[in-house]
């Protein structure tokens, strides 16, 4: 499958810093909701909803995204008509140039 046909369904962010900020923006409201629940009841779910959206689902989704974000700096998947391989980011440009020389498959 050519790279242009693939869709990225990962939980990763563009950088580690962005992902950590997303974690603060998610875990903060979740902790606030946990603190407010015995005091105000149902309205405490409002910050919990904000936290879940910021974490892109749940705390485990955020953790998976952190692992994906960290691993993207080390390896990338490059797919050609022969299949997909994992390469280091420095080698991605070389493989892309090689694929561009060959051209699209009819």
C-alpha atoms as a PDB file:
ATOM      1  CA  UNK A   1       0.000   0.000   0.000  1.00  0.00           C
ATOM      2  CA  UNK A   2       1.570   3.355  -0.996  1.00  0.00           C
ATOM      3  CA  UNK A   3       2.235   5.827   1.843  1.00  0.00           C
ATOM      4  CA  UNK A   4      -0.321   8.276   0.416  1.00  0.00           C
ATOM      5  CA  UNK A   5      -3.072   5.648   0.776  1.00  0.00           C
ATOM      6  CA  UNK A   6      -2.312   4.884   4.409  1.00  0.00           C
ATOM      7  CA  UNK A   7      -4.116   6.714   7.168  1.00  0.00           C
ATOM      8  CA  UNK A   8      -2.404   7.478  10.447  1.00  0.00           C
ATOM      9  CA  UNK A   9      -4.583   6.078  13.232  1.00  0.00           C
ATOM     10  CA  UNK A  10      -2.048   6.541  15.991  1.00  0.00           C
ATOM     11  CA  UNK A  11      -2.301   8.390  19.285  1.00  0.00           C
ATOM     12  CA  UNK A  12       1.133  10.005  18.864  1.00  0.00           C
ATOM     13  CA  UNK A  13       1.750  13.757  18.861  1.00  0.00           C
ATOM     14  CA  UNK A  14       4.170  15.702  16.699  1.00  0.00           C
ATOM     15  CA  UNK A  15       6.755  16.081  19.495  1.00  0.00           C
ATOM     16  CA  UNK A  16       7.342  14.749  22.986  1.00  0.00           C
ATOM     17  CA  UNK A  17       6.811  18.221  24.488  1.00  0.00           C
ATOM     18  CA  UNK A  18       3.423  18.575  22.814  1.00  0.00           C
ATOM     19  CA  UNK A  19       2.436  15.145  24.079  1.00  0.00           C
ATOM     20  CA  UNK A  20       3.465  15.972  27.642  1.00  0.00           C
ATOM     21  CA  UNK A  21       1.457  19.215  27.482  1.00  0.00           C
ATOM     22  CA  UNK A  22      -1.504  17.152  26.299  1.00  0.00           C
ATOM     23  CA  UNK A  23      -0.999  14.944  29.356  1.00  0.00           C
ATOM     24  CA  UNK A  24      -1.042  17.932  31.715  1.00  0.00           C
ATOM     25  CA  UNK A  25      -4.145  19.266  29.954  1.00  0.00           C
ATOM     26  CA  UNK A  26      -5.793  15.851  30.350  1.00  0.00           C
ATOM     27  CA  UNK A  27      -4.739  14.620  33.763  1.00  0.00           C
ATOM     28  CA  UNK A  28      -5.303  18.012  35.422  1.00  0.00           C
ATOM     29  CA  UNK A  29      -9.049  18.106  34.700  1.00  0.00           C
ATOM     30  CA  UNK A  30      -9.388  14.409  35.573  1.00  0.00           C
ATOM     31  CA  UNK A  31      -7.794  15.004  38.968  1.00  0.00           C
ATOM     32  CA  UNK A  32      -9.972  18.089  39.459  1.00  0.00           C
ATOM     33  CA  UNK A  33     -13.086  16.023  38.679  1.00  0.00           C
ATOM     34  CA  UNK A  34     -11.976  13.346  41.132  1.00  0.00           C
ATOM     35  CA  UNK A  35     -11.469  16.014  43.807  1.00  0.00           C
ATOM     36  CA  UNK A  36     -14.777  17.780  43.117  1.00  0.00           C
ATOM     37  CA  UNK A  37     -16.974  14.672  42.845  1.00  0.00           C
ATOM     38  CA  UNK A  38     -17.766  14.316  46.603  1.00  0.00           C
ATOM     39  CA  UNK A  39     -18.363  18.065  46.919  1.00  0.00           C
ATOM     40  CA  UNK A  40     -20.505  18.962  43.893  1.00  0.00           C
ATOM     41  CA  UNK A  41     -21.611  15.632  42.404  1.00  0.00           C
ATOM     42  CA  UNK A  42     -22.567  15.400  38.723  1.00  0.00           C
ATOM     43  CA  UNK A  43     -21.193  18.807  37.634  1.00  0.00           C
ATOM     44  CA  UNK A  44     -17.734  17.424  38.422  1.00  0.00           C
ATOM     45  CA  UNK A  45     -18.019  15.341  35.238  1.00  0.00           C
ATOM     46  CA  UNK A  46     -17.559  18.452  33.071  1.00  0.00           C
ATOM     47  CA  UNK A  47     -13.807  18.765  33.711  1.00  0.00           C
ATOM     48  CA  UNK A  48     -13.545  14.972  33.360  1.00  0.00           C
ATOM     49  CA  UNK A  49     -14.945  15.236  29.828  1.00  0.00           C
ATOM     50  CA  UNK A  50     -12.338  17.904  28.983  1.00  0.00           C
ATOM     51  CA  UNK A  51      -9.629  15.621  30.349  1.00  0.00           C
ATOM     52  CA  UNK A  52     -10.781  12.653  28.305  1.00  0.00           C
ATOM     53  CA  UNK A  53     -10.795  14.724  25.099  1.00  0.00           C
ATOM     54  CA  UNK A  54      -7.297  16.081  25.832  1.00  0.00           C
ATOM     55  CA  UNK A  55      -5.988  12.549  26.436  1.00  0.00           C
ATOM     56  CA  UNK A  56      -7.613  11.342  23.190  1.00  0.00           C
ATOM     57  CA  UNK A  57      -9.715   8.784  24.981  1.00  0.00           C
ATOM     58  CA  UNK A  58      -8.359   7.514  28.255  1.00  0.00           C
ATOM     59  CA  UNK A  59      -5.134   7.561  30.280  1.00  0.00           C
ATOM     60  CA  UNK A  60      -4.029   4.342  28.559  1.00  0.00           C
ATOM     61  CA  UNK A  61      -4.574   5.946  25.128  1.00  0.00           C
ATOM     62  CA  UNK A  62      -2.326   8.811  26.218  1.00  0.00           C
ATOM     63  CA  UNK A  63       0.321   6.345  27.438  1.00  0.00           C
ATOM     64  CA  UNK A  64       0.237   4.461  24.133  1.00  0.00           C
ATOM     65  CA  UNK A  65       0.586   7.789  22.332  1.00  0.00           C
ATOM     66  CA  UNK A  66       3.613   8.673  24.470  1.00  0.00           C
ATOM     67  CA  UNK A  67       5.285   5.399  23.534  1.00  0.00           C
ATOM     68  CA  UNK A  68       4.450   5.986  19.848  1.00  0.00           C
ATOM     69  CA  UNK A  69       5.780   9.552  20.013  1.00  0.00           C
ATOM     70  CA  UNK A  70       9.043   8.384  21.562  1.00  0.00           C
ATOM     71  CA  UNK A  71       9.454   5.526  19.083  1.00  0.00           C
ATOM     72  CA  UNK A  72       8.850   7.783  16.056  1.00  0.00           C
ATOM     73  CA  UNK A  73      12.161   9.473  16.770  1.00  0.00           C
ATOM     74  CA  UNK A  74      13.928   6.134  16.472  1.00  0.00           C
ATOM     75  CA  UNK A  75      12.194   4.181  13.677  1.00  0.00           C
ATOM     76  CA  UNK A  76       9.801   4.899  10.817  1.00  0.00           C
ATOM     77  CA  UNK A  77       7.818   2.529   8.640  1.00  0.00           C
ATOM     78  CA  UNK A  78       8.522   2.928   4.939  1.00  0.00           C
ATOM     79  CA  UNK A  79       6.156   1.094   2.640  1.00  0.00           C
ATOM     80  CA  UNK A  80       6.722   0.231  -0.993  1.00  0.00           C
ATOM     81  CA  UNK A  81       5.010  -2.202  -3.337  1.00  0.00           C
ATOM     82  CA  UNK A  82       7.246  -4.955  -1.902  1.00  0.00           C
ATOM     83  CA  UNK A  83       6.047  -4.378   1.662  1.00  0.00           C
ATOM     84  CA  UNK A  84       6.902  -2.279   4.694  1.00  0.00           C
ATOM     85  CA  UNK A  85      10.208  -2.017   6.520  1.00  0.00           C
ATOM     86  CA  UNK A  86      11.396  -0.150   9.596  1.00  0.00           C
ATOM     87  CA  UNK A  87      14.204   2.340   9.004  1.00  0.00           C
ATOM     88  CA  UNK A  88      15.921   5.044  11.005  1.00  0.00           C
ATOM     89  CA  UNK A  89      14.676   8.587  10.258  1.00  0.00           C
ATOM     90  CA  UNK A  90      17.968   9.525   8.541  1.00  0.00           C
ATOM     91  CA  UNK A  91      17.422   6.679   6.067  1.00  0.00           C
ATOM     92  CA  UNK A  92      13.838   7.735   5.275  1.00  0.00           C
ATOM     93  CA  UNK A  93      15.046  10.467   2.893  1.00  0.00           C
ATOM     94  CA  UNK A  94      17.275   7.999   1.048  1.00  0.00           C
ATOM     95  CA  UNK A  95      14.446   5.488   0.632  1.00  0.00           C
ATOM     96  CA  UNK A  96      12.050   8.240  -0.476  1.00  0.00           C
ATOM     97  CA  UNK A  97      14.548   9.400  -3.126  1.00  0.00           C
ATOM     98  CA  UNK A  98      14.962   5.821  -4.318  1.00  0.00           C
ATOM     99  CA  UNK A  99      11.184   5.361  -4.595  1.00  0.00           C
ATOM    100  CA  UNK A 100      10.884   8.690  -6.460  1.00  0.00           C
ATOM    101  CA  UNK A 101      13.478   7.519  -9.011  1.00  0.00           C
ATOM    102  CA  UNK A 102      11.572   4.310  -9.691  1.00  0.00           C
ATOM    103  CA  UNK A 103       8.303   6.188 -10.067  1.00  0.00           C
ATOM    104  CA  UNK A 104       4.726   5.028  -9.461  1.00  0.00           C
ATOM    105  CA  UNK A 105       3.733   1.457 -10.134  1.00  0.00           C
ATOM    106  CA  UNK A 106       1.263   1.186 -13.038  1.00  0.00           C
END
